[in-house]
N, C-alpha and C. Protein backbone atom coordinates (compact mmCIF):
# COMPACT_ATOMS: atom_id res chain seq x y z
N MET A 1 178.29 9.73 -45.12
CA MET A 1 177.91 9.69 -46.74
C MET A 1 177.65 8.85 -47.73
N THR A 2 178.15 7.56 -47.48
CA THR A 2 177.30 6.24 -47.37
C THR A 2 175.80 6.45 -46.82
N LYS A 3 175.46 6.55 -45.93
CA LYS A 3 173.88 6.61 -45.54
C LYS A 3 173.07 8.51 -46.49
N LEU A 4 173.56 8.80 -46.59
CA LEU A 4 173.28 10.17 -47.40
C LEU A 4 172.82 9.51 -48.94
N ARG A 5 174.18 8.94 -49.59
CA ARG A 5 173.72 8.40 -50.78
C ARG A 5 172.76 7.54 -50.98
N GLY A 6 172.40 6.62 -50.32
CA GLY A 6 171.71 5.64 -50.08
C GLY A 6 170.54 6.07 -49.76
N LEU A 7 170.35 7.29 -49.20
CA LEU A 7 169.31 7.20 -48.52
C LEU A 7 167.99 7.86 -49.43
N GLU A 8 166.33 6.86 -49.00
CA GLU A 8 165.66 6.47 -49.88
C GLU A 8 164.57 6.69 -48.74
N TRP A 9 163.88 7.83 -49.09
CA TRP A 9 162.38 8.31 -48.31
C TRP A 9 161.45 9.38 -48.99
N SER A 10 160.28 9.10 -48.64
CA SER A 10 159.45 10.26 -49.04
C SER A 10 159.55 11.61 -49.26
N TRP A 11 160.88 12.33 -48.80
CA TRP A 11 161.25 13.85 -48.30
C TRP A 11 159.75 14.32 -47.89
N ARG A 12 159.18 13.56 -46.89
CA ARG A 12 158.09 14.45 -46.75
C ARG A 12 158.38 14.42 -44.73
N ARG A 13 158.14 15.69 -44.21
CA ARG A 13 158.49 15.76 -42.99
C ARG A 13 157.66 14.88 -41.86
N ALA A 14 156.49 14.76 -42.28
CA ALA A 14 156.03 13.57 -41.44
C ALA A 14 156.72 12.34 -41.23
N ASP A 15 157.27 12.10 -42.30
CA ASP A 15 158.41 11.10 -42.38
C ASP A 15 159.71 10.99 -41.83
N ILE A 16 159.86 12.02 -41.19
CA ILE A 16 161.45 12.61 -40.99
C ILE A 16 162.52 12.03 -40.01
N THR A 17 161.02 11.58 -38.90
CA THR A 17 161.82 10.96 -37.68
C THR A 17 162.91 9.80 -37.53
N PRO A 18 162.23 8.90 -38.03
CA PRO A 18 163.47 7.33 -38.77
C PRO A 18 164.19 7.63 -39.25
N MET A 19 164.64 8.73 -40.38
CA MET A 19 165.42 8.89 -40.90
C MET A 19 166.40 9.36 -40.70
N LEU A 20 166.11 10.24 -39.49
CA LEU A 20 166.83 11.11 -38.53
C LEU A 20 167.39 10.31 -37.45
N GLY A 21 166.81 9.53 -37.11
CA GLY A 21 167.42 8.09 -36.72
C GLY A 21 168.64 7.69 -36.67
N ASP A 22 168.44 7.11 -37.92
CA ASP A 22 168.99 6.50 -38.66
C ASP A 22 170.85 6.94 -38.80
N LEU A 23 170.58 7.99 -39.15
CA LEU A 23 171.46 8.85 -39.32
C LEU A 23 172.00 8.87 -37.70
N GLY A 24 171.33 8.99 -36.55
CA GLY A 24 171.85 9.53 -35.04
C GLY A 24 171.43 10.79 -34.65
N TRP A 25 170.69 11.45 -35.33
CA TRP A 25 170.50 12.95 -35.11
C TRP A 25 169.14 12.56 -34.58
N ASN A 26 168.81 13.92 -33.56
CA ASN A 26 167.50 14.08 -33.00
C ASN A 26 167.14 15.64 -33.28
N ILE A 27 165.75 15.32 -33.42
CA ILE A 27 164.86 16.86 -33.04
C ILE A 27 164.70 17.82 -32.10
N GLU A 28 165.33 18.68 -31.72
CA GLU A 28 165.37 19.22 -31.31
C GLU A 28 164.48 20.51 -30.47
N TYR A 29 163.57 21.09 -31.81
CA TYR A 29 162.88 21.90 -31.85
C TYR A 29 162.49 22.07 -33.32
N GLN A 30 161.32 22.20 -33.48
CA GLN A 30 160.21 22.59 -34.75
C GLN A 30 159.65 23.62 -34.79
N HIS A 31 159.82 24.62 -36.30
CA HIS A 31 159.20 25.26 -36.62
C HIS A 31 159.00 25.26 -38.03
N GLU A 32 157.95 26.17 -38.16
CA GLU A 32 156.36 26.19 -39.31
C GLU A 32 157.87 25.54 -40.83
N LEU A 33 158.72 25.99 -40.86
CA LEU A 33 159.27 25.73 -42.20
C LEU A 33 160.77 25.03 -41.93
N GLY A 34 160.45 24.49 -40.29
CA GLY A 34 161.93 23.37 -40.54
C GLY A 34 162.58 23.29 -39.18
N MET A 35 163.31 22.55 -38.73
CA MET A 35 163.41 21.69 -37.62
C MET A 35 165.27 22.32 -37.08
N ARG A 36 165.35 22.60 -36.21
CA ARG A 36 166.91 22.28 -35.77
C ARG A 36 167.01 20.97 -34.76
N LEU A 37 168.36 20.28 -35.18
CA LEU A 37 168.34 18.98 -34.80
C LEU A 37 170.02 19.23 -33.87
N GLY A 38 169.97 17.90 -32.87
CA GLY A 38 171.00 18.03 -32.28
C GLY A 38 171.85 16.34 -33.03
N THR A 39 173.18 16.79 -33.44
CA THR A 39 174.01 15.57 -34.05
C THR A 39 174.53 14.87 -32.59
N GLN A 40 175.64 13.88 -33.37
CA GLN A 40 176.62 13.49 -32.17
C GLN A 40 177.59 14.30 -31.48
N PHE A 41 177.58 16.26 -32.79
CA PHE A 41 178.67 17.29 -32.16
C PHE A 41 177.62 17.96 -31.14
N GLY A 42 176.31 17.50 -30.26
CA GLY A 42 176.18 18.09 -29.37
C GLY A 42 174.60 19.43 -29.90
N MET A 43 173.80 19.86 -29.31
CA MET A 43 172.87 20.82 -29.78
C MET A 43 173.16 21.92 -30.69
N ALA A 44 172.08 21.67 -31.38
CA ALA A 44 171.98 23.04 -32.65
C ALA A 44 173.45 22.80 -33.59
N THR A 45 173.53 21.50 -33.99
CA THR A 45 174.61 21.29 -34.56
C THR A 45 173.94 20.84 -36.31
N GLY A 46 172.83 21.05 -36.59
CA GLY A 46 171.93 20.30 -37.31
C GLY A 46 170.77 21.14 -37.77
N ASP A 47 169.93 20.94 -39.27
CA ASP A 47 168.99 22.20 -39.09
C ASP A 47 168.09 21.01 -40.39
N VAL A 48 166.56 21.17 -40.79
CA VAL A 48 165.98 20.79 -41.68
C VAL A 48 165.55 21.81 -42.40
N TYR A 49 165.31 22.07 -43.02
CA TYR A 49 164.60 23.28 -44.26
C TYR A 49 163.55 22.62 -44.80
N CYS A 50 162.21 23.30 -44.78
CA CYS A 50 160.93 22.43 -45.28
C CYS A 50 160.68 23.65 -46.24
N THR A 51 159.50 23.15 -46.97
CA THR A 51 159.01 23.91 -47.84
C THR A 51 157.27 24.62 -46.66
N ASP A 52 156.29 25.08 -47.32
CA ASP A 52 155.18 25.28 -46.36
C ASP A 52 154.12 24.29 -46.85
N ASP A 53 154.40 23.72 -48.09
CA ASP A 53 153.52 22.32 -47.97
C ASP A 53 153.88 21.17 -47.37
N GLY A 54 155.00 21.21 -46.41
CA GLY A 54 155.42 20.04 -45.83
C GLY A 54 156.46 19.02 -46.08
N ARG A 55 157.03 19.60 -47.22
CA ARG A 55 157.81 18.79 -47.75
C ARG A 55 159.57 18.92 -47.73
N VAL A 56 160.39 18.05 -47.28
CA VAL A 56 161.49 19.02 -46.89
C VAL A 56 162.82 18.82 -48.13
N SER A 57 163.26 20.11 -48.21
CA SER A 57 164.12 20.51 -48.48
C SER A 57 165.65 20.06 -48.49
N ALA A 58 165.59 20.10 -47.75
CA ALA A 58 167.51 19.80 -47.28
C ALA A 58 167.64 19.64 -45.50
N ILE A 59 168.67 18.51 -44.94
CA ILE A 59 168.76 18.34 -44.13
C ILE A 59 170.15 18.56 -43.92
N TYR A 60 170.82 19.13 -42.83
CA TYR A 60 172.14 19.91 -42.91
C TYR A 60 172.62 18.48 -41.44
N GLY A 61 173.82 18.39 -41.31
CA GLY A 61 174.34 17.54 -39.56
C GLY A 61 176.28 18.31 -39.67
N ALA A 62 175.99 18.42 -38.43
CA ALA A 62 177.97 18.75 -37.96
C ALA A 62 178.37 17.03 -38.48
N VAL A 63 179.79 17.60 -38.47
CA VAL A 63 180.80 16.31 -38.52
C VAL A 63 182.04 16.64 -37.75
N CYS A 64 181.30 17.23 -36.59
CA CYS A 64 182.44 18.05 -35.95
C CYS A 64 182.26 19.40 -34.90
N SER A 65 182.83 19.10 -33.91
CA SER A 65 181.71 20.33 -32.82
C SER A 65 182.35 21.91 -33.17
N PHE A 66 181.50 22.68 -33.14
CA PHE A 66 181.99 23.84 -33.08
C PHE A 66 183.24 24.34 -32.46
N ILE A 67 184.10 25.32 -33.10
CA ILE A 67 185.49 25.73 -32.39
C ILE A 67 185.43 26.84 -32.13
N ASP A 68 185.99 27.64 -31.52
CA ASP A 68 186.41 28.70 -30.98
C ASP A 68 187.69 29.57 -31.85
N ASP A 69 187.12 30.80 -31.65
CA ASP A 69 187.80 31.50 -33.23
C ASP A 69 189.15 31.84 -32.39
N THR A 70 189.86 30.37 -32.54
CA THR A 70 191.50 31.30 -32.81
C THR A 70 191.82 30.22 -33.84
N PRO A 71 193.20 31.07 -34.24
CA PRO A 71 193.95 30.41 -35.10
C PRO A 71 194.00 29.14 -35.55
N GLU A 72 194.36 28.75 -34.42
CA GLU A 72 194.58 26.95 -34.07
C GLU A 72 193.24 26.35 -34.30
N GLU A 73 192.65 26.84 -33.89
CA GLU A 73 191.23 26.10 -34.13
C GLU A 73 190.63 25.96 -35.62
N ARG A 74 190.71 27.28 -36.10
CA ARG A 74 190.47 27.66 -37.46
C ARG A 74 191.24 26.53 -38.38
N ALA A 75 192.31 26.75 -37.92
CA ALA A 75 193.65 25.45 -38.89
C ALA A 75 192.91 24.27 -38.58
N LEU A 76 192.41 24.02 -37.51
CA LEU A 76 191.49 22.01 -37.54
C LEU A 76 190.38 22.32 -38.17
N LEU A 77 189.57 23.65 -38.08
CA LEU A 77 188.80 23.15 -39.15
C LEU A 77 188.55 22.94 -40.31
N GLN A 78 189.58 23.22 -41.12
CA GLN A 78 190.10 23.59 -42.25
C GLN A 78 190.31 22.44 -42.29
N ASP A 79 190.82 21.43 -41.55
CA ASP A 79 191.42 19.77 -41.67
C ASP A 79 190.34 19.11 -42.19
N VAL A 80 189.52 19.53 -40.86
CA VAL A 80 188.10 18.50 -41.10
C VAL A 80 187.72 18.64 -41.75
N PHE A 81 187.27 20.37 -42.78
CA PHE A 81 186.69 19.96 -43.77
C PHE A 81 187.42 19.44 -45.26
N VAL A 82 188.73 19.05 -45.20
CA VAL A 82 189.48 18.64 -46.31
C VAL A 82 189.20 17.39 -46.16
N GLU A 83 189.50 16.61 -45.12
CA GLU A 83 188.89 15.72 -44.35
C GLU A 83 188.19 14.94 -45.10
N THR A 84 186.88 15.52 -44.53
CA THR A 84 185.67 15.13 -44.78
C THR A 84 185.23 15.59 -46.36
N VAL A 85 185.67 16.13 -47.53
CA VAL A 85 185.61 16.44 -48.75
C VAL A 85 186.24 15.02 -49.36
N ALA A 86 187.13 14.83 -48.96
CA ALA A 86 188.12 13.47 -49.61
C ALA A 86 187.68 12.42 -48.86
N ALA A 87 186.85 12.34 -47.87
CA ALA A 87 185.88 10.75 -47.24
C ALA A 87 184.73 11.25 -48.40
N ALA A 88 183.90 11.90 -48.64
CA ALA A 88 182.99 11.95 -49.85
C ALA A 88 183.21 11.55 -51.15
N ALA A 89 184.07 12.01 -51.82
CA ALA A 89 184.79 12.02 -52.96
C ALA A 89 185.29 10.43 -52.90
N THR A 90 185.60 9.54 -51.44
CA THR A 90 186.18 8.15 -51.56
C THR A 90 184.36 7.14 -52.59
N VAL A 91 183.64 8.08 -51.89
CA VAL A 91 182.31 7.35 -51.67
C VAL A 91 181.36 8.15 -53.49
N LEU A 92 181.37 8.94 -53.10
CA LEU A 92 180.82 9.95 -54.43
C LEU A 92 181.34 9.84 -55.88
N GLY A 93 182.71 9.47 -55.63
CA GLY A 93 183.22 10.42 -56.65
C GLY A 93 184.04 11.55 -56.49
N ASP A 94 184.18 12.02 -57.94
CA ASP A 94 184.69 13.45 -58.04
C ASP A 94 183.38 14.06 -57.75
N PRO A 95 183.56 15.26 -57.18
CA PRO A 95 182.66 16.24 -56.96
C PRO A 95 181.83 17.12 -58.14
N THR A 96 180.72 17.52 -57.93
CA THR A 96 180.57 18.57 -59.34
C THR A 96 180.52 19.54 -59.31
N ASP A 97 180.80 20.52 -58.35
CA ASP A 97 180.71 21.62 -58.53
C ASP A 97 182.30 22.02 -56.38
N ARG A 98 182.75 23.20 -56.89
CA ARG A 98 183.68 23.35 -55.99
C ARG A 98 183.46 25.07 -55.77
N LEU A 99 182.67 25.36 -54.49
CA LEU A 99 182.70 27.03 -54.71
C LEU A 99 183.20 27.33 -53.14
N PRO A 100 184.79 28.25 -53.68
CA PRO A 100 185.58 28.77 -53.28
C PRO A 100 185.00 29.48 -52.35
N GLY A 101 185.78 30.42 -51.22
CA GLY A 101 185.35 31.77 -50.79
C GLY A 101 185.27 31.89 -49.30
N GLU A 102 184.60 32.45 -48.41
CA GLU A 102 184.36 32.64 -47.11
C GLU A 102 183.98 31.52 -46.60
N PHE A 103 183.20 30.74 -46.94
CA PHE A 103 182.58 29.89 -46.47
C PHE A 103 182.42 28.31 -47.70
N PRO A 104 183.90 28.02 -47.83
CA PRO A 104 184.01 26.91 -49.07
C PRO A 104 182.94 25.62 -48.98
N GLU A 105 182.44 25.43 -50.01
CA GLU A 105 181.18 24.15 -50.33
C GLU A 105 181.83 23.62 -51.68
N VAL A 106 181.87 22.11 -51.62
CA VAL A 106 182.13 21.03 -52.34
C VAL A 106 180.63 20.51 -52.19
N ARG A 107 179.95 19.83 -53.87
CA ARG A 107 179.11 19.23 -53.69
C ARG A 107 179.23 18.75 -54.96
N TRP A 108 178.30 16.92 -54.68
CA TRP A 108 177.89 16.39 -55.82
C TRP A 108 176.57 16.23 -56.14
N ARG A 109 176.06 16.60 -57.55
CA ARG A 109 175.20 16.45 -57.44
C ARG A 109 174.66 15.72 -58.60
N GLY A 110 173.50 14.80 -58.14
CA GLY A 110 172.61 13.25 -58.70
C GLY A 110 171.67 14.15 -59.53
N PRO A 111 171.16 12.53 -59.74
CA PRO A 111 169.55 13.73 -60.46
C PRO A 111 168.35 13.96 -60.20
N GLN A 112 168.43 13.84 -58.73
CA GLN A 112 167.01 14.47 -57.99
C GLN A 112 167.56 15.46 -56.65
N THR A 113 169.14 14.84 -55.93
CA THR A 113 169.14 15.65 -55.05
C THR A 113 170.77 15.58 -54.98
N THR A 114 170.76 16.67 -54.19
CA THR A 114 172.72 17.04 -54.50
C THR A 114 173.48 16.63 -52.86
N ILE A 115 174.44 15.92 -52.85
CA ILE A 115 174.80 16.13 -51.17
C ILE A 115 175.90 16.88 -51.74
N GLY A 116 176.23 17.40 -50.07
CA GLY A 116 177.54 18.63 -50.17
C GLY A 116 178.28 18.42 -48.35
N VAL A 117 179.38 19.51 -48.67
CA VAL A 117 180.30 19.59 -47.59
C VAL A 117 180.05 21.02 -47.11
N ARG A 118 179.88 21.24 -46.41
CA ARG A 118 180.03 22.92 -45.84
C ARG A 118 180.87 23.49 -44.59
N ASN A 119 181.83 24.34 -45.10
CA ASN A 119 182.99 24.64 -44.10
C ASN A 119 181.91 26.26 -43.55
N SER A 120 180.90 26.80 -42.73
CA SER A 120 180.56 27.45 -41.68
C SER A 120 181.81 28.66 -41.29
N ALA A 121 182.66 28.50 -41.38
CA ALA A 121 183.53 28.81 -40.36
C ALA A 121 183.80 29.18 -39.04
N VAL A 122 182.39 28.12 -38.23
CA VAL A 122 182.49 27.84 -36.97
C VAL A 122 182.53 26.36 -36.55
N LEU A 123 182.02 25.56 -38.16
CA LEU A 123 181.42 24.09 -37.91
C LEU A 123 181.70 23.48 -39.46
N VAL A 124 181.83 22.78 -39.64
CA VAL A 124 181.44 21.79 -41.29
C VAL A 124 180.57 20.86 -40.93
N ARG A 125 179.74 20.75 -42.28
CA ARG A 125 178.38 20.44 -41.89
C ARG A 125 178.48 19.51 -43.46
N ILE A 126 177.79 18.33 -43.36
CA ILE A 126 177.48 17.68 -44.35
C ILE A 126 175.66 17.94 -44.94
N PHE A 127 175.26 17.75 -45.85
CA PHE A 127 173.97 18.43 -46.20
C PHE A 127 173.82 16.90 -47.41
N ILE A 128 172.61 17.19 -47.27
CA ILE A 128 171.68 16.43 -48.63
C ILE A 128 170.34 17.65 -48.99
N ALA A 129 169.86 17.64 -50.36
CA ALA A 129 169.17 18.59 -50.27
C ALA A 129 168.37 18.44 -51.89
N THR A 130 167.12 18.57 -52.23
CA THR A 130 166.70 18.13 -53.23
C THR A 130 167.60 19.42 -54.33
N ASN A 131 167.42 19.17 -55.58
CA ASN A 131 167.87 19.86 -56.66
C ASN A 131 166.98 21.02 -56.86
N GLU A 132 165.94 20.89 -56.32
CA GLU A 132 165.07 22.04 -56.45
C GLU A 132 165.60 23.61 -55.56
N TYR A 133 166.13 23.06 -54.69
CA TYR A 133 166.23 23.63 -53.47
C TYR A 133 167.63 24.32 -53.70
N MET A 134 168.80 23.41 -54.40
CA MET A 134 169.47 23.89 -54.83
C MET A 134 169.64 25.46 -55.80
N GLY A 135 168.51 24.87 -56.77
CA GLY A 135 168.73 25.88 -57.58
C GLY A 135 168.38 27.08 -57.28
N ARG A 136 167.64 27.10 -56.04
CA ARG A 136 166.95 28.33 -55.39
C ARG A 136 168.20 29.42 -54.99
N LEU A 137 169.32 28.38 -54.46
CA LEU A 137 170.32 29.09 -53.52
C LEU A 137 170.65 29.75 -54.42
N ALA A 138 170.88 29.24 -55.76
CA ALA A 138 172.19 29.46 -56.93
C ALA A 138 171.35 31.75 -57.17
């Protein structure tokens, strides 16, 4: 979270590789509107979403491995989500949005970007996205 909060870069797709390297993430596959990333938690555990003009809209990365669909692993995933949100709040302060539901999400909106934590039911991911991108999701 500290690295995401302090992230200063062009938000141009062409400039993303060094920034991802600083996070310890690598590009596995690229396509016209984004990239699939590998993080410390394995292949296909991150994504980059881009606009058609070469701007990055959002970067997602895992904070845990994929789980199996068992009650024990779902409980573990919920614990990871809660711990990640607590760690983020320590760095970022109180969240600006809490979105409960099947895939809960907690967000910290700043002047230009939003940082968040999302529980996708099989993986917990952190993200940073432009506020414009977040507005399109609403």
